[in-house]
Protein backbone atom coordinates (compact mmCIF):
# COMPACT_ATOMS: atom_id res chain seq x y z
CA MET A 1 -15.17 23.65 115.35
CA GLN A 2 -13.34 26.07 113.05
CA PRO A 3 -14.96 29.38 112.02
CA LEU A 4 -16.03 29.47 108.38
CA ASP A 5 -14.08 31.75 106.05
CA LEU A 6 -16.49 33.01 103.39
CA ALA A 7 -13.54 33.47 101.04
CA ASP A 8 -13.21 29.67 101.00
CA VAL A 9 -16.88 29.38 100.07
CA ALA A 10 -16.49 31.93 97.27
CA LYS A 11 -13.46 30.06 95.93
CA TYR A 12 -15.34 26.75 96.02
CA VAL A 13 -18.24 28.28 94.10
CA GLU A 14 -15.92 29.84 91.49
CA ASP A 15 -14.14 26.52 90.99
CA ASN A 16 -17.25 24.32 90.87
CA ILE A 17 -20.37 26.23 89.76
CA GLY A 18 -19.37 25.67 86.14
CA THR A 19 -20.15 21.98 86.63
CA PHE A 20 -23.80 22.79 87.33
CA HIS A 21 -24.09 25.03 84.28
CA GLN A 22 -22.38 22.50 82.03
CA LYS A 23 -24.74 19.74 83.16
CA ARG A 24 -27.69 22.01 82.30
CA LEU A 25 -26.33 22.34 78.76
CA ASP A 26 -25.55 18.63 78.48
CA SER A 27 -29.10 17.76 79.52
CA LEU A 28 -30.53 19.93 76.74
CA SER A 29 -28.21 18.43 74.14
CA ARG A 30 -29.38 14.90 75.03
CA LEU A 31 -33.10 15.71 74.80
CA LYS A 32 -35.07 14.00 72.01
CA LEU A 33 -38.53 15.26 71.05
CA LYS A 34 -40.27 11.91 70.58
CA SER A 35 -38.77 10.48 73.76
CA VAL A 36 -40.18 13.40 75.76
CA LEU A 37 -43.57 13.27 74.05
CA LYS A 38 -43.87 9.59 74.98
CA ARG A 39 -43.59 10.57 78.65
CA LYS A 40 -46.13 13.40 78.53
CA ASN A 41 -49.93 13.38 78.65
CA PRO A 42 -51.29 14.28 75.18
CA TYR A 43 -54.83 14.57 76.53
CA MET A 44 -53.72 17.39 78.82
CA PHE A 45 -52.28 19.30 75.86
CA LYS A 46 -55.68 19.12 74.19
CA ALA A 47 -57.57 19.99 77.37
CA LYS A 48 -55.38 23.09 77.78
CA ASP A 49 -56.29 24.12 74.21
CA MET A 50 -52.71 24.08 72.96
CA GLN A 51 -53.08 24.87 69.27
CA THR A 52 -49.54 25.43 68.00
CA ALA A 53 -46.45 23.29 67.75
CA GLU A 54 -44.43 25.90 69.63
CA GLN A 55 -46.88 25.94 72.57
CA ILE A 56 -46.47 22.20 73.06
CA VAL A 57 -42.72 22.25 72.50
CA ARG A 58 -42.12 25.09 74.95
CA GLY A 59 -44.36 23.35 77.49
CA ILE A 60 -42.44 20.09 77.43
CA VAL A 61 -39.00 21.72 77.25
CA ASP A 62 -39.77 24.13 80.09
CA ALA A 63 -41.09 21.27 82.25
CA HIS A 64 -37.92 19.27 81.59
CA VAL A 65 -35.67 22.23 82.34
CA SER A 66 -37.46 23.05 85.60
CA SER A 67 -37.39 19.49 86.92
CA ASN A 68 -33.85 18.82 85.75
CA GLU A 69 -32.41 22.04 87.16
CA GLU A 70 -33.94 21.38 90.57
CA THR A 71 -32.24 17.97 90.66
CA LEU A 72 -28.90 19.19 89.32
CA PHE A 73 -28.67 22.17 91.61
CA GLY A 74 -29.78 20.09 94.60
CA ASP A 75 -26.88 17.71 93.90
CA TRP A 76 -24.52 20.68 93.55
CA LEU A 77 -25.68 22.21 96.85
CA GLU A 78 -25.08 18.86 98.53
CA GLY A 79 -21.43 19.10 97.50
CA LEU A 80 -21.22 22.67 98.80
CA ALA A 81 -22.73 21.64 102.14
CA ILE A 82 -20.21 18.80 102.54
CA PHE A 83 -17.36 21.18 101.68
CA ILE A 84 -18.54 23.76 104.25
CA ASN A 85 -18.98 21.15 106.95
CA GLY A 86 -15.53 19.77 106.23
CA LYS A 87 -14.08 23.22 106.83
CA THR A 88 -15.94 23.79 110.10
CA TYR A 89 -16.46 20.39 111.73
CA GLY A 90 -14.16 18.13 109.72
CA GLY A 91 -17.09 16.27 108.18
CA TRP A 92 -16.83 13.91 105.22
CA LYS A 93 -18.85 12.46 102.38
CA SER A 94 -20.47 9.36 103.81
CA ALA A 95 -19.92 5.95 102.27
CA VAL A 96 -23.13 4.66 103.89
CA ALA A 97 -26.08 4.09 101.53
CA GLY A 98 -28.69 6.85 101.80
CA VAL A 99 -26.45 9.09 103.92
CA ASP A 100 -24.63 12.03 102.33
CA LEU A 101 -22.63 13.58 105.17
CA GLU A 102 -21.10 12.38 108.43
CA PHE A 103 -19.51 14.52 111.11
CA ASP A 104 -18.89 14.60 114.84
CA LYS A 105 -20.31 17.41 116.95
CA ASP A 106 -20.96 17.73 120.69
CA GLY A 107 -19.78 14.17 121.28
CA ARG A 108 -22.20 12.66 118.77
CA ARG A 109 -21.90 11.28 115.25
CA HIS A 110 -24.34 13.00 112.90
CA LEU A 111 -25.65 11.20 109.84
CA VAL A 112 -27.16 13.66 107.36
CA ALA A 113 -29.33 12.96 104.32
CA ILE A 114 -29.25 16.18 102.30
CA LYS A 115 -32.22 17.19 100.16
CA SER A 116 -32.89 20.32 98.16
CA GLY A 117 -36.13 21.52 99.77
CA PRO A 118 -38.56 20.41 102.47
CA ASN A 119 -41.14 18.80 100.17
CA TRP A 120 -38.74 16.39 98.55
CA GLY A 121 -40.46 13.01 98.88
CA ASN A 122 -43.60 10.98 99.31
CA SER A 123 -44.35 8.71 102.25
CA SER A 124 -42.55 5.73 100.69
CA GLN A 125 -39.40 7.75 100.09
CA ILE A 126 -39.44 9.08 103.66
CA THR A 127 -39.90 5.54 104.95
CA GLN A 128 -36.88 4.48 102.89
CA MET A 129 -34.82 7.32 104.38
CA ARG A 130 -35.77 6.17 107.87
CA THR A 131 -34.74 2.63 106.95
CA ASN A 132 -31.41 3.90 105.62
CA PHE A 133 -30.77 5.77 108.87
CA LYS A 134 -31.53 2.68 110.98
CA THR A 135 -29.32 0.48 108.83
CA ALA A 136 -26.48 2.99 109.04
CA GLN A 137 -26.82 3.25 112.82
CA ARG A 138 -26.66 -0.54 113.21
CA THR A 139 -23.64 -0.77 110.91
CA LEU A 140 -21.70 1.96 112.73
CA ARG A 141 -22.53 0.61 116.18
CA THR A 142 -21.23 -2.81 115.17
CA SER A 143 -17.74 -1.35 114.77
CA GLN A 144 -18.05 1.39 117.44
CA SER A 145 -20.42 0.16 120.12
CA GLY A 146 -20.34 3.30 122.26
CA LEU A 147 -21.11 5.69 119.42
CA ASN A 148 -23.93 8.17 120.05
CA ILE A 149 -25.59 8.59 116.65
CA VAL A 150 -28.02 11.28 115.52
CA ALA A 151 -29.94 11.15 112.21
CA VAL A 152 -30.75 14.37 110.37
CA ASN A 153 -32.63 15.20 107.19
CA GLY A 154 -31.09 18.48 106.03
CA CYS A 155 -32.91 20.64 103.48
CA CYS A 156 -31.02 23.42 101.73
CA TYR A 157 -33.96 25.82 101.56
CA GLY A 158 -37.43 26.27 103.02
CA ARG A 159 -38.91 25.85 106.47
CA ASP A 160 -40.17 23.13 108.77
CA ASN A 161 -41.12 24.47 112.18
CA ASN A 162 -41.48 20.97 113.63
CA PRO A 163 -37.95 19.58 113.28
CA ASP A 164 -38.39 16.68 115.72
CA LYS A 165 -39.62 13.72 113.67
CA GLY A 166 -39.08 11.15 116.41
CA ASP A 167 -36.27 8.98 115.06
CA TYR A 168 -34.64 11.82 113.12
CA SER A 169 -34.57 15.62 112.92
CA LYS A 170 -35.52 17.67 109.89
CA LEU A 171 -33.57 20.92 109.60
CA CYS A 172 -34.44 23.29 106.77
CA GLY A 173 -33.05 26.53 105.41
CA GLN A 174 -31.35 28.63 108.09
CA ARG A 175 -31.45 25.80 110.62
CA PHE A 176 -29.65 23.45 108.24
CA TRP A 177 -26.85 25.81 107.19
CA GLU A 178 -26.23 26.89 110.78
CA PHE A 179 -26.21 23.25 111.89
CA ILE A 180 -23.44 22.28 109.46
CA SER A 181 -21.41 25.51 109.74
CA GLY A 182 -22.09 27.14 113.10
CA ASP A 183 -22.93 30.39 111.26
CA PRO A 184 -26.54 31.58 111.75
CA ASP A 185 -26.26 33.99 108.82
CA LEU A 186 -24.76 31.60 106.28
CA PHE A 187 -28.11 30.94 104.58
CA VAL A 188 -28.13 34.61 103.48
CA GLU A 189 -24.38 34.97 102.93
CA LEU A 190 -24.41 32.17 100.32
CA ILE A 191 -26.48 34.22 97.88
CA GLY A 192 -23.60 36.49 96.85
CA PRO A 193 -21.04 33.84 95.82
CA LEU A 194 -23.67 31.76 93.99
CA GLY A 195 -24.10 34.52 91.40
CA PHE A 196 -20.56 34.00 90.07
CA LYS A 197 -20.71 34.49 86.27
CA ALA A 198 -24.43 33.66 86.35
CA HIS A 199 -25.27 36.19 83.64
CA GLU A 200 -22.73 34.82 81.16
CA ARG A 201 -23.62 31.21 81.90
CA ASN A 202 -27.34 31.82 81.56
CA ALA A 203 -26.88 33.66 78.25
CA GLN A 204 -25.10 30.60 76.89
CA PHE A 205 -27.89 28.36 78.15
CA GLN A 206 -30.56 30.62 76.64
CA ASP A 207 -28.91 30.35 73.23
CA SER A 208 -29.00 26.55 73.43
CA TYR A 209 -32.59 26.61 74.72
CA THR A 210 -33.77 28.80 71.83
CA GLN A 211 -32.07 26.61 69.26
CA LEU A 212 -33.65 23.49 70.76
CA VAL A 213 -37.13 25.01 70.77
CA ASN A 214 -36.74 25.97 67.11
CA GLN A 215 -35.49 22.49 66.18
CA PHE A 216 -38.25 20.73 68.09
CA THR A 217 -40.93 23.04 66.69
CA GLU A 218 -39.81 22.24 63.14
CA GLU A 219 -39.73 18.51 63.92
CA PHE A 220 -43.12 18.57 65.64
CA THR A 221 -44.68 20.43 62.70
CA ARG A 222 -43.23 17.92 60.24
CA GLU A 223 -44.31 14.85 62.23
CA PHE A 224 -47.59 15.87 63.83
CA CYS A 225 -49.16 18.62 61.71
CA ASN A 226 -50.96 18.46 58.36
CA ASP A 227 -50.09 20.54 55.32
CA GLU A 228 -52.19 23.42 56.63
CA GLY A 229 -50.27 23.41 59.93
CA ALA A 230 -53.06 22.00 62.13
CA ILE A 231 -52.02 19.53 64.83
CA GLN A 232 -53.02 15.95 64.03
CA TRP A 233 -53.91 14.80 67.51
CA ASP A 234 -54.41 11.19 66.50
CA ARG A 235 -50.75 10.94 65.46
CA LEU A 236 -49.61 12.37 68.78
CA VAL A 237 -51.82 10.04 70.82
CA ARG A 238 -50.70 7.04 68.80
CA LEU A 239 -47.03 7.86 69.42
CA ASN A 240 -47.70 8.18 73.12
CA SER A 241 -50.16 5.38 73.83
CA SER A 242 -50.65 2.93 70.95
CA SER A 243 -49.96 -0.71 71.83
CA ASP A 244 -48.56 -1.14 68.33
CA GLU A 245 -45.69 1.30 68.82
């Protein structure tokens, strides 16, 4: 193991965090109002007493942004984790399906599936991860019969105080970052570098967000409101659920 130099982490963040912010902007630019409305529940809008076009538009845009950012940043953190592990343990991006990181430590090969937080999947998705681990173990042992293999679900934030899941371990937050780096304080030390140019990047995103909300509000009013500005709920429900569309 090599000790982690935080300057390397800062440099990686400076060189790569722009990718995350650009993908946020790209996702907004691709968004289409009617496509999003077709995926949302119009009955819930009515049940929540949403009475203006802007209320509905902000609701659907904010939901998209929240879900999309979680996915994008989770993917970005996965890259950071692989970079850090490469610096400390010589790990590499795995080519095995369902496995993100491989590295050798304490005489064992570790197969790591990296997720954003601890509550990342339902029972079917967890079962699939277990299947991926078993398949990967069989594949690796075919070529290296004496290999001692350990499966790990690593989560970039959060807690799970019962890491032993039987056929794999689940390491979250501090446990995960220490596991891949050897540094028990890394989970806190990462916060500083991750703020690189965050204010400027977020201001740019906010401009695009505001423009999109204005555009969608105008489109929603034109398509789904009457001349007096009242929402025509039948039009919205027909777009979303009619068998004739």
